[in-house]
Amino acid sequence: MRHKRPVSVSAERAYDLIRSPVITEKSTMISEFNQVTFRVPLDASKPEIKAAVEMLFKVKVKAVNTLRQKGKTKRFRGIMGRRSDVKKAIVTLADGHRIDVSTGV
């Protein structure tokens, strides 16, 4: 069994980790289950994301799920382009805690 060490994140790293909230129809649907979705860097780990959200928003995080969305190849006026890869974090908050994504940090 692995021992979990508490992860500490500096204030600068915390602001770099939580880039922006994801405001979509799906993210507003999961907000009913006390979950919030954030866009994070590709090298961010789950313990770092948890520590950053707890530090910035002063809430208790129950779980963090991450996903990597591969960039699509798109065409604009016949010129091929590619969207960049994106990593998202779905953060589940403990009961009684809320984050209002419409206000800034």
PDB file of N, CA and C in Angstrom:
ATOM      1  N   MET A   1       0.841  -1.182   0.000  1.00  0.00           N
ATOM      2  CA  MET A   1       0.000   0.000   0.000  1.00  0.00           C
ATOM      3  C   MET A   1       0.885   1.244   0.000  1.00  0.00           C
ATOM      4  N   ARG A   2       0.542   2.185  -0.845  1.00  0.00           N
ATOM      5  CA  ARG A   2       1.339   3.402  -0.943  1.00  0.00           C
ATOM      6  C   ARG A   2       0.891   4.395   0.100  1.00  0.00           C
ATOM      7  N   HIS A   3       1.861   5.089   0.672  1.00  0.00           N
ATOM      8  CA  HIS A   3       1.550   6.121   1.653  1.00  0.00           C
ATOM      9  C   HIS A   3       1.383   7.445   0.933  1.00  0.00           C
ATOM     10  N   LYS A   4       0.329   8.142   1.268  1.00  0.00           N
ATOM     11  CA  LYS A   4       0.070   9.422   0.631  1.00  0.00           C
ATOM     12  C   LYS A   4       0.741  10.529   1.420  1.00  0.00           C
ATOM     13  N   ARG A   5       1.545  11.306   0.715  1.00  0.00           N
ATOM     14  CA  ARG A   5       2.162  12.471   1.321  1.00  0.00           C
ATOM     15  C   ARG A   5       1.325  13.683   0.975  1.00  0.00           C
ATOM     16  N   PRO A   6       1.140  14.605   1.917  1.00  0.00           N
ATOM     17  CA  PRO A   6       0.405  15.824   1.558  1.00  0.00           C
ATOM     18  C   PRO A   6       1.207  16.656   0.564  1.00  0.00           C
ATOM     19  N   VAL A   7       0.527  17.164  -0.440  1.00  0.00           N
ATOM     20  CA  VAL A   7       1.168  17.957  -1.486  1.00  0.00           C
ATOM     21  C   VAL A   7       0.947  19.429  -1.175  1.00  0.00           C
ATOM     22  N   SER A   8       2.025  20.190  -1.166  1.00  0.00           N
ATOM     23  CA  SER A   8       1.898  21.633  -0.965  1.00  0.00           C
ATOM     24  C   SER A   8       2.206  22.321  -2.289  1.00  0.00           C
ATOM     25  N   VAL A   9       1.425  23.358  -2.571  1.00  0.00           N
ATOM     26  CA  VAL A   9       1.545  24.085  -3.828  1.00  0.00           C
ATOM     27  C   VAL A   9       1.747  25.555  -3.503  1.00  0.00           C
ATOM     28  N   SER A  10       2.698  26.187  -4.171  1.00  0.00           N
ATOM     29  CA  SER A  10       2.910  27.617  -3.955  1.00  0.00           C
ATOM     30  C   SER A  10       1.756  28.401  -4.569  1.00  0.00           C
ATOM     31  N   ALA A  11       1.629  29.660  -4.173  1.00  0.00           N
ATOM     32  CA  ALA A  11       0.532  30.502  -4.665  1.00  0.00           C
ATOM     33  C   ALA A  11       0.644  30.709  -6.173  1.00  0.00           C
ATOM     34  N   GLU A  12       1.873  30.899  -6.676  1.00  0.00           N
ATOM     35  CA  GLU A  12       2.050  31.097  -8.117  1.00  0.00           C
ATOM     36  C   GLU A  12       1.657  29.845  -8.894  1.00  0.00           C
ATOM     37  N   ARG A  13       2.076  28.680  -8.387  1.00  0.00           N
ATOM     38  CA  ARG A  13       1.751  27.407  -9.051  1.00  0.00           C
ATOM     39  C   ARG A  13       0.240  27.145  -8.997  1.00  0.00           C
ATOM     40  N   ALA A  14      -0.406  27.528  -7.897  1.00  0.00           N
ATOM     41  CA  ALA A  14      -1.857  27.316  -7.770  1.00  0.00           C
ATOM     42  C   ALA A  14      -2.604  28.122  -8.821  1.00  0.00           C
ATOM     43  N   TYR A  15      -2.194  29.369  -9.031  1.00  0.00           N
ATOM     44  CA  TYR A  15      -2.842  30.196 -10.048  1.00  0.00           C
ATOM     45  C   TYR A  15      -2.523  29.696 -11.456  1.00  0.00           C
ATOM     46  N   ASP A  16      -1.348  29.064 -11.654  1.00  0.00           N
ATOM     47  CA  ASP A  16      -1.017  28.488 -12.951  1.00  0.00           C
ATOM     48  C   ASP A  16      -1.809  27.206 -13.206  1.00  0.00           C
ATOM     49  N   LEU A  17      -2.088  26.440 -12.150  1.00  0.00           N
ATOM     50  CA  LEU A  17      -2.793  25.167 -12.298  1.00  0.00           C
ATOM     51  C   LEU A  17      -4.246  25.355 -12.706  1.00  0.00           C
ATOM     52  N   ILE A  18      -4.948  26.288 -12.060  1.00  0.00           N
ATOM     53  CA  ILE A  18      -6.365  26.503 -12.353  1.00  0.00           C
ATOM     54  C   ILE A  18      -6.447  27.611 -13.394  1.00  0.00           C
ATOM     55  N   ARG A  19      -6.506  27.224 -14.669  1.00  0.00           N
ATOM     56  CA  ARG A  19      -6.482  28.217 -15.742  1.00  0.00           C
ATOM     57  C   ARG A  19      -7.820  28.917 -15.900  1.00  0.00           C
ATOM     58  N   SER A  20      -8.907  28.146 -16.010  1.00  0.00           N
ATOM     59  CA  SER A  20     -10.225  28.750 -16.178  1.00  0.00           C
ATOM     60  C   SER A  20     -11.287  27.703 -15.899  1.00  0.00           C
ATOM     61  N   PRO A  21     -12.475  28.144 -15.493  1.00  0.00           N
ATOM     62  CA  PRO A  21     -13.575  27.182 -15.366  1.00  0.00           C
ATOM     63  C   PRO A  21     -14.138  26.860 -16.750  1.00  0.00           C
ATOM     64  N   VAL A  22     -14.670  25.666 -16.899  1.00  0.00           N
ATOM     65  CA  VAL A  22     -15.300  25.260 -18.150  1.00  0.00           C
ATOM     66  C   VAL A  22     -16.798  25.507 -17.994  1.00  0.00           C
ATOM     67  N   ILE A  23     -17.343  26.398 -18.825  1.00  0.00           N
ATOM     68  CA  ILE A  23     -18.763  26.732 -18.754  1.00  0.00           C
ATOM     69  C   ILE A  23     -19.438  26.148 -19.995  1.00  0.00           C
ATOM     70  N   THR A  24     -19.980  24.956 -19.856  1.00  0.00           N
ATOM     71  CA  THR A  24     -20.699  24.301 -20.943  1.00  0.00           C
ATOM     72  C   THR A  24     -21.993  23.738 -20.381  1.00  0.00           C
ATOM     73  N   GLU A  25     -22.826  23.224 -21.256  1.00  0.00           N
ATOM     74  CA  GLU A  25     -24.075  22.627 -20.812  1.00  0.00           C
ATOM     75  C   GLU A  25     -23.810  21.425 -19.911  1.00  0.00           C
ATOM     76  N   LYS A  26     -22.828  20.625 -20.265  1.00  0.00           N
ATOM     77  CA  LYS A  26     -22.503  19.440 -19.470  1.00  0.00           C
ATOM     78  C   LYS A  26     -21.942  19.820 -18.098  1.00  0.00           C
ATOM     79  N   SER A  27     -21.098  20.853 -18.043  1.00  0.00           N
ATOM     80  CA  SER A  27     -20.520  21.258 -16.758  1.00  0.00           C
ATOM     81  C   SER A  27     -21.578  21.862 -15.841  1.00  0.00           C
ATOM     82  N   THR A  28     -22.587  22.523 -16.399  1.00  0.00           N
ATOM     83  CA  THR A  28     -23.664  23.030 -15.540  1.00  0.00           C
ATOM     84  C   THR A  28     -24.566  21.902 -15.068  1.00  0.00           C
ATOM     85  N   MET A  29     -24.681  20.826 -15.845  1.00  0.00           N
ATOM     86  CA  MET A  29     -25.475  19.678 -15.406  1.00  0.00           C
ATOM     87  C   MET A  29     -24.804  18.955 -14.240  1.00  0.00           C
ATOM     88  N   ILE A  30     -23.473  18.820 -14.275  1.00  0.00           N
ATOM     89  CA  ILE A  30     -22.793  18.114 -13.180  1.00  0.00           C
ATOM     90  C   ILE A  30     -22.664  18.984 -11.935  1.00  0.00           C
ATOM     91  N   SER A  31     -22.931  20.294 -12.058  1.00  0.00           N
ATOM     92  CA  SER A  31     -22.885  21.146 -10.870  1.00  0.00           C
ATOM     93  C   SER A  31     -23.985  20.782  -9.879  1.00  0.00           C
ATOM     94  N   GLU A  32     -25.032  20.089 -10.340  1.00  0.00           N
ATOM     95  CA  GLU A  32     -26.066  19.597  -9.436  1.00  0.00           C
ATOM     96  C   GLU A  32     -25.513  18.552  -8.474  1.00  0.00           C
ATOM     97  N   PHE A  33     -24.447  17.865  -8.885  1.00  0.00           N
ATOM     98  CA  PHE A  33     -23.824  16.839  -8.054  1.00  0.00           C
ATOM     99  C   PHE A  33     -22.608  17.377  -7.313  1.00  0.00           C
ATOM    100  N   ASN A  34     -22.540  18.696  -7.132  1.00  0.00           N
ATOM    101  CA  ASN A  34     -21.469  19.363  -6.387  1.00  0.00           C
ATOM    102  C   ASN A  34     -20.107  19.161  -7.062  1.00  0.00           C
ATOM    103  N   GLN A  35     -20.079  19.251  -8.402  1.00  0.00           N
ATOM    104  CA  GLN A  35     -18.846  19.113  -9.155  1.00  0.00           C
ATOM    105  C   GLN A  35     -18.603  20.369  -9.984  1.00  0.00           C
ATOM    106  N   VAL A  36     -17.326  20.720 -10.146  1.00  0.00           N
ATOM    107  CA  VAL A  36     -16.923  21.887 -10.925  1.00  0.00           C
ATOM    108  C   VAL A  36     -15.824  21.429 -11.889  1.00  0.00           C
ATOM    109  N   THR A  37     -15.840  21.961 -13.115  1.00  0.00           N
ATOM    110  CA  THR A  37     -14.853  21.589 -14.123  1.00  0.00           C
ATOM    111  C   THR A  37     -13.915  22.762 -14.386  1.00  0.00           C
ATOM    112  N   PHE A  38     -12.601  22.471 -14.407  1.00  0.00           N
ATOM    113  CA  PHE A  38     -11.584  23.484 -14.661  1.00  0.00           C
ATOM    114  C   PHE A  38     -10.683  23.029 -15.796  1.00  0.00           C
ATOM    115  N   ARG A  39     -10.125  23.987 -16.536  1.00  0.00           N
ATOM    116  CA  ARG A  39      -9.103  23.717 -17.533  1.00  0.00           C
ATOM    117  C   ARG A  39      -7.759  23.833 -16.814  1.00  0.00           C
ATOM    118  N   VAL A  40      -6.893  22.827 -16.973  1.00  0.00           N
ATOM    119  CA  VAL A  40      -5.618  22.779 -16.256  1.00  0.00           C
ATOM    120  C   VAL A  40      -4.488  22.467 -17.246  1.00  0.00           C
ATOM    121  N   PRO A  41      -3.216  22.699 -16.862  1.00  0.00           N
ATOM    122  CA  PRO A  41      -2.098  22.364 -17.756  1.00  0.00           C
ATOM    123  C   PRO A  41      -1.965  20.850 -17.946  1.00  0.00           C
ATOM    124  N   LEU A  42      -1.308  20.451 -19.022  1.00  0.00           N
ATOM    125  CA  LEU A  42      -1.161  19.029 -19.329  1.00  0.00           C
ATOM    126  C   LEU A  42      -0.299  18.296 -18.302  1.00  0.00           C
ATOM    127  N   ASP A  43       0.603  19.008 -17.610  1.00  0.00           N
ATOM    128  CA  ASP A  43       1.491  18.349 -16.653  1.00  0.00           C
ATOM    129  C   ASP A  43       0.955  18.366 -15.225  1.00  0.00           C
ATOM    130  N   ALA A  44      -0.282  18.820 -15.020  1.00  0.00           N
ATOM    131  CA  ALA A  44      -0.849  18.909 -13.670  1.00  0.00           C
ATOM    132  C   ALA A  44      -1.249  17.524 -13.176  1.00  0.00           C
ATOM    133  N   SER A  45      -0.975  17.251 -11.892  1.00  0.00           N
ATOM    134  CA  SER A  45      -1.366  15.981 -11.287  1.00  0.00           C
ATOM    135  C   SER A  45      -2.589  16.189 -10.409  1.00  0.00           C
ATOM    136  N   LYS A  46      -3.265  15.083 -10.089  1.00  0.00           N
ATOM    137  CA  LYS A  46      -4.485  15.165  -9.280  1.00  0.00           C
ATOM    138  C   LYS A  46      -4.231  15.755  -7.883  1.00  0.00           C
ATOM    139  N   PRO A  47      -3.172  15.331  -7.165  1.00  0.00           N
ATOM    140  CA  PRO A  47      -2.927  15.943  -5.850  1.00  0.00           C
ATOM    141  C   PRO A  47      -2.624  17.437  -5.927  1.00  0.00           C
ATOM    142  N   GLU A  48      -1.918  17.864  -6.981  1.00  0.00           N
ATOM    143  CA  GLU A  48      -1.644  19.294  -7.158  1.00  0.00           C
ATOM    144  C   GLU A  48      -2.928  20.071  -7.410  1.00  0.00           C
ATOM    145  N   ILE A  49      -3.810  19.531  -8.242  1.00  0.00           N
ATOM    146  CA  ILE A  49      -5.078  20.200  -8.550  1.00  0.00           C
ATOM    147  C   ILE A  49      -5.924  20.308  -7.288  1.00  0.00           C
ATOM    148  N   LYS A  50      -5.968  19.244  -6.502  1.00  0.00           N
ATOM    149  CA  LYS A  50      -6.740  19.251  -5.258  1.00  0.00           C
ATOM    150  C   LYS A  50      -6.216  20.322  -4.311  1.00  0.00           C
ATOM    151  N   ALA A  51      -4.896  20.387  -4.133  1.00  0.00           N
ATOM    152  CA  ALA A  51      -4.305  21.380  -3.232  1.00  0.00           C
ATOM    153  C   ALA A  51      -4.561  22.798  -3.728  1.00  0.00           C
ATOM    154  N   ALA A  52      -4.486  23.014  -5.051  1.00  0.00           N
ATOM    155  CA  ALA A  52      -4.693  24.351  -5.608  1.00  0.00           C
ATOM    156  C   ALA A  52      -6.137  24.812  -5.428  1.00  0.00           C
ATOM    157  N   VAL A  53      -7.112  23.935  -5.677  1.00  0.00           N
ATOM    158  CA  VAL A  53      -8.519  24.305  -5.527  1.00  0.00           C
ATOM    159  C   VAL A  53      -8.837  24.590  -4.063  1.00  0.00           C
ATOM    160  N   GLU A  54      -8.321  23.763  -3.153  1.00  0.00           N
ATOM    161  CA  GLU A  54      -8.566  23.993  -1.729  1.00  0.00           C
ATOM    162  C   GLU A  54      -7.948  25.301  -1.260  1.00  0.00           C
ATOM    163  N   MET A  55      -6.777  25.648  -1.813  1.00  0.00           N
ATOM    164  CA  MET A  55      -6.103  26.870  -1.397  1.00  0.00           C
ATOM    165  C   MET A  55      -6.777  28.115  -1.977  1.00  0.00           C
ATOM    166  N   LEU A  56      -7.133  28.084  -3.257  1.00  0.00           N
ATOM    167  CA  LEU A  56      -7.673  29.273  -3.911  1.00  0.00           C
ATOM    168  C   LEU A  56      -9.123  29.561  -3.517  1.00  0.00           C
ATOM    169  N   PHE A  57      -9.937  28.521  -3.408  1.00  0.00           N
ATOM    170  CA  PHE A  57     -11.362  28.726  -3.179  1.00  0.00           C
ATOM    171  C   PHE A  57     -11.796  28.456  -1.739  1.00  0.00           C
ATOM    172  N   LYS A  58     -10.873  28.007  -0.876  1.00  0.00           N
ATOM    173  CA  LYS A  58     -11.161  27.737   0.540  1.00  0.00           C
ATOM    174  C   LYS A  58     -12.321  26.747   0.691  1.00  0.00           C
ATOM    175  N   VAL A  59     -12.243  25.623  -0.028  1.00  0.00           N
ATOM    176  CA  VAL A  59     -13.248  24.578   0.039  1.00  0.00           C
ATOM    177  C   VAL A  59     -12.566  23.246   0.316  1.00  0.00           C
ATOM    178  N   LYS A  60     -13.338  22.219   0.641  1.00  0.00           N
ATOM    179  CA  LYS A  60     -12.828  20.873   0.862  1.00  0.00           C
ATOM    180  C   LYS A  60     -13.144  20.037  -0.370  1.00  0.00           C
ATOM    181  N   VAL A  61     -12.112  19.449  -0.982  1.00  0.00           N
ATOM    182  CA  VAL A  61     -12.264  18.649  -2.194  1.00  0.00           C
ATOM    183  C   VAL A  61     -12.348  17.179  -1.813  1.00  0.00           C
ATOM    184  N   LYS A  62     -13.373  16.511  -2.339  1.00  0.00           N
ATOM    185  CA  LYS A  62     -13.544  15.085  -2.071  1.00  0.00           C
ATOM    186  C   LYS A  62     -12.753  14.236  -3.072  1.00  0.00           C
ATOM    187  N   ALA A  63     -12.821  14.587  -4.372  1.00  0.00           N
ATOM    188  CA  ALA A  63     -12.141  13.797  -5.405  1.00  0.00           C
ATOM    189  C   ALA A  63     -11.822  14.678  -6.611  1.00  0.00           C
ATOM    190  N   VAL A  64     -10.828  14.231  -7.393  1.00  0.00           N
ATOM    191  CA  VAL A  64     -10.456  14.915  -8.633  1.00  0.00           C
ATOM    192  C   VAL A  64     -10.362  13.865  -9.733  1.00  0.00           C
ATOM    193  N   ASN A  65     -11.110  14.070 -10.817  1.00  0.00           N
ATOM    194  CA  ASN A  65     -11.010  13.237 -12.011  1.00  0.00           C
ATOM    195  C   ASN A  65     -10.453  14.102 -13.129  1.00  0.00           C
ATOM    196  N   THR A  66      -9.523  13.544 -13.925  1.00  0.00           N
ATOM    197  CA  THR A  66      -8.929  14.317 -15.011  1.00  0.00           C
ATOM    198  C   THR A  66      -9.170  13.610 -16.340  1.00  0.00           C
ATOM    199  N   LEU A  67      -9.136  14.398 -17.412  1.00  0.00           N
ATOM    200  CA  LEU A  67      -9.227  13.838 -18.755  1.00  0.00           C
ATOM    201  C   LEU A  67      -8.400  14.688 -19.685  1.00  0.00           C
ATOM    202  N   ARG A  68      -7.817  14.023 -20.687  1.00  0.00           N
ATOM    203  CA  ARG A  68      -7.027  14.715 -21.712  1.00  0.00           C
ATOM    204  C   ARG A  68      -7.816  14.667 -23.004  1.00  0.00           C
ATOM    205  N   GLN A  69      -8.120  15.838 -23.538  1.00  0.00           N
ATOM    206  CA  GLN A  69      -8.865  15.942 -24.786  1.00  0.00           C
ATOM    207  C   GLN A  69      -7.869  16.255 -25.897  1.00  0.00           C
ATOM    208  N   LYS A  70      -7.734  15.342 -26.832  1.00  0.00           N
ATOM    209  CA  LYS A  70      -6.786  15.512 -27.937  1.00  0.00           C
ATOM    210  C   LYS A  70      -7.301  16.587 -28.886  1.00  0.00           C
ATOM    211  N   GLY A  71      -6.381  17.392 -29.421  1.00  0.00           N
ATOM    212  CA  GLY A  71      -6.757  18.461 -30.334  1.00  0.00           C
ATOM    213  C   GLY A  71      -7.208  17.933 -31.686  1.00  0.00           C
ATOM    214  N   LYS A  72      -8.251  18.540 -32.211  1.00  0.00           N
ATOM    215  CA  LYS A  72      -8.775  18.128 -33.509  1.00  0.00           C
ATOM    216  C   LYS A  72      -8.000  18.799 -34.644  1.00  0.00           C
ATOM    217  N   THR A  73      -7.980  18.151 -35.799  1.00  0.00           N
ATOM    218  CA  THR A  73      -7.469  18.773 -37.007  1.00  0.00           C
ATOM    219  C   THR A  73      -8.639  19.465 -37.685  1.00  0.00           C
ATOM    220  N   LYS A  74      -8.524  20.755 -37.904  1.00  0.00           N
ATOM    221  CA  LYS A  74      -9.609  21.541 -38.488  1.00  0.00           C
ATOM    222  C   LYS A  74      -9.114  22.223 -39.755  1.00  0.00           C
ATOM    223  N   ARG A  75     -10.055  22.640 -40.584  1.00  0.00           N
ATOM    224  CA  ARG A  75      -9.731  23.307 -41.833  1.00  0.00           C
ATOM    225  C   ARG A  75     -10.397  24.682 -41.822  1.00  0.00           C
ATOM    226  N   PHE A  76      -9.621  25.724 -42.146  1.00  0.00           N
ATOM    227  CA  PHE A  76     -10.155  27.078 -42.226  1.00  0.00           C
ATOM    228  C   PHE A  76      -9.715  27.682 -43.548  1.00  0.00           C
ATOM    229  N   ARG A  77     -10.675  27.957 -44.425  1.00  0.00           N
ATOM    230  CA  ARG A  77     -10.418  28.499 -45.768  1.00  0.00           C
ATOM    231  C   ARG A  77      -9.397  27.657 -46.525  1.00  0.00           C
ATOM    232  N   GLY A  78      -9.511  26.351 -46.394  1.00  0.00           N
ATOM    233  CA  GLY A  78      -8.628  25.432 -47.116  1.00  0.00           C
ATOM    234  C   GLY A  78      -7.290  25.211 -46.467  1.00  0.00           C
ATOM    235  N   ILE A  79      -6.991  25.921 -45.392  1.00  0.00           N
ATOM    236  CA  ILE A  79      -5.704  25.768 -44.712  1.00  0.00           C
ATOM    237  C   ILE A  79      -5.918  24.851 -43.510  1.00  0.00           C
ATOM    238  N   MET A  80      -5.106  23.808 -43.448  1.00  0.00           N
ATOM    239  CA  MET A  80      -5.225  22.859 -42.342  1.00  0.00           C
ATOM    240  C   MET A  80      -4.619  23.460 -41.078  1.00  0.00           C
ATOM    241  N   GLY A  81      -5.306  23.250 -39.980  1.00  0.00           N
ATOM    242  CA  GLY A  81      -4.818  23.703 -38.687  1.00  0.00           C
ATOM    243  C   GLY A  81      -5.115  22.649 -37.652  1.00  0.00           C
ATOM    244  N   ARG A  82      -4.612  22.845 -36.465  1.00  0.00           N
ATOM    245  CA  ARG A  82      -4.828  21.863 -35.415  1.00  0.00           C
ATOM    246  C   ARG A  82      -5.066  22.578 -34.107  1.00  0.00           C
ATOM    247  N   ARG A  83      -6.135  22.168 -33.402  1.00  0.00           N
ATOM    248  CA  ARG A  83      -6.379  22.695 -32.064  1.00  0.00           C
ATOM    249  C   ARG A  83      -5.382  22.054 -31.100  1.00  0.00           C
ATOM    250  N   SER A  84      -5.053  22.770 -30.038  1.00  0.00           N
ATOM    251  CA  SER A  84      -4.097  22.228 -29.066  1.00  0.00           C
ATOM    252  C   SER A  84      -4.796  21.253 -28.130  1.00  0.00           C
ATOM    253  N   ASP A  85      -4.005  20.339 -27.552  1.00  0.00           N
ATOM    254  CA  ASP A  85      -4.533  19.391 -26.578  1.00  0.00           C
ATOM    255  C   ASP A  85      -4.915  20.136 -25.307  1.00  0.00           C
ATOM    256  N   VAL A  86      -5.940  19.631 -24.615  1.00  0.00           N
ATOM    257  CA  VAL A  86      -6.468  20.286 -23.418  1.00  0.00           C
ATOM    258  C   VAL A  86      -6.637  19.241 -22.329  1.00  0.00           C
ATOM    259  N   LYS A  87      -6.316  19.605 -21.109  1.00  0.00           N
ATOM    260  CA  LYS A  87      -6.575  18.733 -19.969  1.00  0.00           C
ATOM    261  C   LYS A  87      -7.618  19.406 -19.093  1.00  0.00           C
ATOM    262  N   LYS A  88      -8.635  18.639 -18.693  1.00  0.00           N
ATOM    263  CA  LYS A  88      -9.697  19.160 -17.838  1.00  0.00           C
ATOM    264  C   LYS A  88      -9.687  18.394 -16.528  1.00  0.00           C
ATOM    265  N   ALA A  89     -10.093  19.072 -15.463  1.00  0.00           N
ATOM    266  CA  ALA A  89     -10.206  18.445 -14.148  1.00  0.00           C
ATOM    267  C   ALA A  89     -11.626  18.628 -13.649  1.00  0.00           C
ATOM    268  N   ILE A  90     -12.289  17.517 -13.326  1.00  0.00           N
ATOM    269  CA  ILE A  90     -13.622  17.557 -12.732  1.00  0.00           C
ATOM    270  C   ILE A  90     -13.425  17.353 -11.233  1.00  0.00           C
ATOM    271  N   VAL A  91     -13.717  18.411 -10.470  1.00  0.00           N
ATOM    272  CA  VAL A  91     -13.457  18.430  -9.032  1.00  0.00           C
ATOM    273  C   VAL A  91     -14.773  18.207  -8.301  1.00  0.00           C
ATOM    274  N   THR A  92     -14.818  17.159  -7.470  1.00  0.00           N
ATOM    275  CA  THR A  92     -15.984  16.891  -6.638  1.00  0.00           C
ATOM    276  C   THR A  92     -15.744  17.506  -5.277  1.00  0.00           C
ATOM    277  N   LEU A  93     -16.664  18.360  -4.838  1.00  0.00           N
ATOM    278  CA  LEU A  93     -16.528  19.050  -3.561  1.00  0.00           C
ATOM    279  C   LEU A  93     -17.243  18.276  -2.457  1.00  0.00           C
ATOM    280  N   ALA A  94     -16.774  18.453  -1.226  1.00  0.00           N
ATOM    281  CA  ALA A  94     -17.409  17.828  -0.075  1.00  0.00           C
ATOM    282  C   ALA A  94     -18.775  18.469   0.160  1.00  0.00           C
ATOM    283  N   ASP A  95     -19.633  17.756   0.872  1.00  0.00           N
ATOM    284  CA  ASP A  95     -20.974  18.273   1.156  1.00  0.00           C
ATOM    285  C   ASP A  95     -20.878  19.583   1.931  1.00  0.00           C
ATOM    286  N   GLY A  96     -21.710  20.551   1.537  1.00  0.00           N
ATOM    287  CA  GLY A  96     -21.733  21.842   2.202  1.00  0.00           C
ATOM    288  C   GLY A  96     -20.802  22.868   1.601  1.00  0.00           C
ATOM    289  N   HIS A  97     -19.956  22.482   0.651  1.00  0.00           N
ATOM    290  CA  HIS A  97     -19.023  23.411   0.014  1.00  0.00           C
ATOM    291  C   HIS A  97     -19.493  23.708  -1.407  1.00  0.00           C
ATOM    292  N   ARG A  98     -19.319  24.972  -1.828  1.00  0.00           N
ATOM    293  CA  ARG A  98     -19.728  25.383  -3.166  1.00  0.00           C
ATOM    294  C   ARG A  98     -18.693  26.336  -3.747  1.00  0.00           C
ATOM    295  N   ILE A  99     -18.583  26.342  -5.091  1.00  0.00           N
ATOM    296  CA  ILE A  99     -17.749  27.307  -5.799  1.00  0.00           C
ATOM    297  C   ILE A  99     -18.645  28.003  -6.812  1.00  0.00           C
ATOM    298  N   ASP A 100     -18.654  29.333  -6.764  1.00  0.00           N
ATOM    299  CA  ASP A 100     -19.413  30.112  -7.733  1.00  0.00           C
ATOM    300  C   ASP A 100     -18.454  30.492  -8.859  1.00  0.00           C
ATOM    301  N   VAL A 101     -18.573  29.834 -10.020  1.00  0.00           N
ATOM    302  CA  VAL A 101     -17.632  30.045 -11.115  1.00  0.00           C
ATOM    303  C   VAL A 101     -17.895  31.352 -11.852  1.00  0.00           C
ATOM    304  N   SER A 102     -19.019  32.015 -11.586  1.00  0.00           N
ATOM    305  CA  SER A 102     -19.303  33.269 -12.279  1.00  0.00           C
ATOM    306  C   SER A 102     -18.506  34.438 -11.705  1.00  0.00           C
ATOM    307  N   THR A 103     -17.948  34.287 -10.490  1.00  0.00           N
ATOM    308  CA  THR A 103     -17.118  35.338  -9.896  1.00  0.00           C
ATOM    309  C   THR A 103     -15.661  34.977 -10.042  1.00  0.00           C
ATOM    310  N   GLY A 104     -14.783  35.959 -10.033  1.00  0.00           N
ATOM    311  CA  GLY A 104     -13.344  35.724 -10.172  1.00  0.00           C
ATOM    312  C   GLY A 104     -12.690  35.375  -8.842  1.00  0.00           C
ATOM    313  N   VAL A 105     -11.436  34.953  -8.930  1.00  0.00           N
ATOM    314  CA  VAL A 105     -10.673  34.612  -7.719  1.00  0.00           C
ATOM    315  C   VAL A 105      -9.954  35.841  -7.233  1.00  0.00           C
TER     316      VAL A 105
END
